[in-house]
Amino acid sequence: MTADKKINEPQNVNKENPTPVVQAEKKTNGAAGPAAGARRQRTIKDPNELASLVLLHIDAVHARKDDLTAAIKNLADITKQLTRAYGEHTKTIKALQQRIKVLEEKASE
C-alpha cells in the first residue's frame, strides 16, 4: 500500500468475501478550503515514527489549547475593563442628572 492512498478508499479488503465499506462524513471542524477534506492516510511501519507522529499531534493540540486559553484570558480582562468603565460612566451620568435636577430647581425659583 502506498502513502498516497486516500482515507475513504477501502483498505485490506478480503478479495474472496468483500465487505461493504461505509464512508464516514468528512469532519472538517469548521475548516474551509481545499486542505480541509484533503487528508491522506499512510501506513507507518516504524514504531519510532509512529511515536514521534503521535507526539507531534499532541504538541499541536496543546499549542491550540494554549492559544485558546490565552484568548479566553484576554476576553475576560477586556470584559472586566468594560464593566469597570460602564460602572464609572453610569456613576458619572447619575451625578450629572442630580446636578441638572438641582440647577433646574434653582432656576425655577
C-alpha atoms as a PDB file:
ATOM      1  CA  MET A   1       0.000   0.000   0.000  1.00  0.00           C
ATOM      2  CA  THR A   2       1.394   3.405  -0.880  1.00  0.00           C
ATOM      3  CA  ALA A   3       1.477   6.549   1.194  1.00  0.00           C
ATOM      4  CA  ASP A   4      -0.828   8.305  -1.277  1.00  0.00           C
ATOM      5  CA  LYS A   5      -3.970   6.246  -0.589  1.00  0.00           C
ATOM      6  CA  LYS A   6      -6.916   8.379   0.439  1.00  0.00           C
ATOM      7  CA  ILE A   7      -8.804   7.753   3.666  1.00  0.00           C
ATOM      8  CA  ASN A   8     -12.048   6.812   2.002  1.00  0.00           C
ATOM      9  CA  GLU A   9     -10.538   4.121  -0.246  1.00  0.00           C
ATOM     10  CA  PRO A  10     -11.051   0.549   1.023  1.00  0.00           C
ATOM     11  CA  GLN A  11      -8.008  -0.938   2.707  1.00  0.00           C
ATOM     12  CA  ASN A  12      -7.165  -4.574   3.363  1.00  0.00           C
ATOM     13  CA  VAL A  13     -10.386  -5.773   1.731  1.00  0.00           C
ATOM     14  CA  ASN A  14     -10.816  -9.531   1.547  1.00  0.00           C
ATOM     15  CA  LYS A  15     -10.987 -10.243  -2.191  1.00  0.00           C
ATOM     16  CA  GLU A  16     -12.903 -13.521  -1.840  1.00  0.00           C
ATOM     17  CA  ASN A  17     -15.553 -12.175   0.501  1.00  0.00           C
ATOM     18  CA  PRO A  18     -15.658  -8.394   0.038  1.00  0.00           C
ATOM     19  CA  THR A  19     -17.027  -6.357   2.900  1.00  0.00           C
ATOM     20  CA  PRO A  20     -19.021  -3.232   2.079  1.00  0.00           C
ATOM     21  CA  VAL A  21     -17.182  -0.081   3.016  1.00  0.00           C
ATOM     22  CA  VAL A  22     -19.200   2.654   4.702  1.00  0.00           C
ATOM     23  CA  GLN A  23     -17.720   6.057   4.057  1.00  0.00           C
ATOM     24  CA  ALA A  24     -17.914   8.372   7.041  1.00  0.00           C
ATOM     25  CA  GLU A  25     -18.746  12.018   6.611  1.00  0.00           C
ATOM     26  CA  LYS A  26     -15.692  14.193   6.494  1.00  0.00           C
ATOM     27  CA  LYS A  27     -15.428  16.233   9.671  1.00  0.00           C
ATOM     28  CA  THR A  28     -13.599  19.458   8.958  1.00  0.00           C
ATOM     29  CA  ASN A  29     -14.278  21.059  12.344  1.00  0.00           C
ATOM     30  CA  GLY A  30     -15.213  24.335  10.670  1.00  0.00           C
ATOM     31  CA  ALA A  31     -12.128  24.415   8.457  1.00  0.00           C
ATOM     32  CA  ALA A  32     -12.589  25.785   4.985  1.00  0.00           C
ATOM     33  CA  GLY A  33     -10.645  25.475   1.794  1.00  0.00           C
ATOM     34  CA  PRO A  34      -9.121  22.633  -0.190  1.00  0.00           C
ATOM     35  CA  ALA A  35      -6.960  21.378   2.681  1.00  0.00           C
ATOM     36  CA  ALA A  36      -9.983  20.798   4.915  1.00  0.00           C
ATOM     37  CA  GLY A  37     -11.003  17.442   3.432  1.00  0.00           C
ATOM     38  CA  ALA A  38      -7.839  16.505   1.592  1.00  0.00           C
ATOM     39  CA  ARG A  39      -6.155  14.498   4.352  1.00  0.00           C
ATOM     40  CA  ARG A  40      -4.341  11.399   3.291  1.00  0.00           C
ATOM     41  CA  GLN A  41      -3.615   8.250   5.211  1.00  0.00           C
ATOM     42  CA  ARG A  42      -0.316   6.465   5.051  1.00  0.00           C
ATOM     43  CA  THR A  43       0.962   3.253   6.525  1.00  0.00           C
ATOM     44  CA  ILE A  44       3.539   3.674   9.255  1.00  0.00           C
ATOM     45  CA  LYS A  45       5.632   0.595   9.947  1.00  0.00           C
ATOM     46  CA  ASP A  46       8.294   2.036  12.249  1.00  0.00           C
ATOM     47  CA  PRO A  47       7.150   2.372  15.894  1.00  0.00           C
ATOM     48  CA  ASN A  48       9.536   5.285  16.434  1.00  0.00           C
ATOM     49  CA  GLU A  49       7.980   7.164  13.530  1.00  0.00           C
ATOM     50  CA  LEU A  50       4.518   6.451  14.922  1.00  0.00           C
ATOM     51  CA  ALA A  51       5.532   7.660  18.387  1.00  0.00           C
ATOM     52  CA  SER A  52       7.014  10.876  17.006  1.00  0.00           C
ATOM     53  CA  LEU A  53       3.895  11.446  14.888  1.00  0.00           C
ATOM     54  CA  VAL A  54       1.627  10.975  17.917  1.00  0.00           C
ATOM     55  CA  LEU A  55       3.785  13.325  19.994  1.00  0.00           C
ATOM     56  CA  LEU A  56       3.663  15.865  17.172  1.00  0.00           C
ATOM     57  CA  HIS A  57      -0.134  15.764  17.175  1.00  0.00           C
ATOM     58  CA  ILE A  58      -0.246  16.008  20.973  1.00  0.00           C
ATOM     59  CA  ASP A  59       2.014  19.073  20.841  1.00  0.00           C
ATOM     60  CA  ALA A  60      -0.230  20.624  18.199  1.00  0.00           C
ATOM     61  CA  VAL A  61      -3.289  20.058  20.401  1.00  0.00           C
ATOM     62  CA  HIS A  62      -1.525  21.558  23.415  1.00  0.00           C
ATOM     63  CA  ALA A  63      -0.483  24.582  21.357  1.00  0.00           C
ATOM     64  CA  ARG A  64      -4.104  25.095  20.277  1.00  0.00           C
ATOM     65  CA  LYS A  65      -5.281  24.746  23.883  1.00  0.00           C
ATOM     66  CA  ASP A  66      -2.691  27.310  24.989  1.00  0.00           C
ATOM     67  CA  ASP A  67      -3.843  29.708  22.260  1.00  0.00           C
ATOM     68  CA  LEU A  68      -7.474  29.291  23.311  1.00  0.00           C
ATOM     69  CA  THR A  69      -6.595  29.744  26.986  1.00  0.00           C
ATOM     70  CA  ALA A  70      -4.749  32.971  26.207  1.00  0.00           C
ATOM     71  CA  ALA A  71      -7.683  34.211  24.112  1.00  0.00           C
ATOM     72  CA  ILE A  72     -10.164  33.453  26.915  1.00  0.00           C
ATOM     73  CA  LYS A  73      -7.982  35.246  29.467  1.00  0.00           C
ATOM     74  CA  ASN A  74      -7.736  38.274  27.173  1.00  0.00           C
ATOM     75  CA  LEU A  75     -11.516  38.308  26.715  1.00  0.00           C
ATOM     76  CA  ALA A  76     -12.016  38.090  30.482  1.00  0.00           C
ATOM     77  CA  ASP A  77      -9.636  41.034  31.032  1.00  0.00           C
ATOM     78  CA  ILE A  78     -11.397  43.117  28.387  1.00  0.00           C
ATOM     79  CA  THR A  79     -14.776  42.262  29.930  1.00  0.00           C
ATOM     80  CA  LYS A  80     -13.552  43.380  33.365  1.00  0.00           C
ATOM     81  CA  GLN A  81     -12.283  46.666  31.907  1.00  0.00           C
ATOM     82  CA  LEU A  82     -15.543  47.279  30.062  1.00  0.00           C
ATOM     83  CA  THR A  83     -17.580  46.511  33.178  1.00  0.00           C
ATOM     84  CA  ARG A  84     -15.470  48.900  35.239  1.00  0.00           C
ATOM     85  CA  ALA A  85     -15.778  51.637  32.600  1.00  0.00           C
ATOM     86  CA  TYR A  86     -19.541  51.077  32.360  1.00  0.00           C
ATOM     87  CA  GLY A  87     -19.876  51.426  36.136  1.00  0.00           C
ATOM     88  CA  GLU A  88     -17.848  54.646  36.163  1.00  0.00           C
ATOM     89  CA  HIS A  89     -19.878  56.091  33.292  1.00  0.00           C
ATOM     90  CA  THR A  90     -23.130  55.158  34.991  1.00  0.00           C
ATOM     91  CA  LYS A  91     -21.948  56.848  38.202  1.00  0.00           C
ATOM     92  CA  THR A  92     -20.961  59.987  36.262  1.00  0.00           C
ATOM     93  CA  ILE A  93     -24.309  60.081  34.435  1.00  0.00           C
ATOM     94  CA  LYS A  94     -26.241  59.793  37.720  1.00  0.00           C
ATOM     95  CA  ALA A  95     -24.152  62.589  39.267  1.00  0.00           C
ATOM     96  CA  LEU A  96     -24.816  64.808  36.232  1.00  0.00           C
ATOM     97  CA  GLN A  97     -28.538  64.034  36.402  1.00  0.00           C
ATOM     98  CA  GLN A  98     -28.574  65.065  40.069  1.00  0.00           C
ATOM     99  CA  ARG A  99     -26.685  68.260  39.252  1.00  0.00           C
ATOM    100  CA  ILE A 100     -29.113  69.083  36.437  1.00  0.00           C
ATOM    101  CA  LYS A 101     -32.051  68.456  38.767  1.00  0.00           C
ATOM    102  CA  VAL A 102     -30.568  70.826  41.373  1.00  0.00           C
ATOM    103  CA  LEU A 103     -29.868  73.507  38.736  1.00  0.00           C
ATOM    104  CA  GLU A 104     -33.403  73.194  37.339  1.00  0.00           C
ATOM    105  CA  GLU A 105     -34.858  73.597  40.836  1.00  0.00           C
ATOM    106  CA  LYS A 106     -32.750  76.738  41.407  1.00  0.00           C
ATOM    107  CA  ALA A 107     -33.760  78.143  38.017  1.00  0.00           C
ATOM    108  CA  SER A 108     -37.473  77.593  38.678  1.00  0.00           C
ATOM    109  CA  GLU A 109     -37.360  79.558  41.968  1.00  0.00           C
END
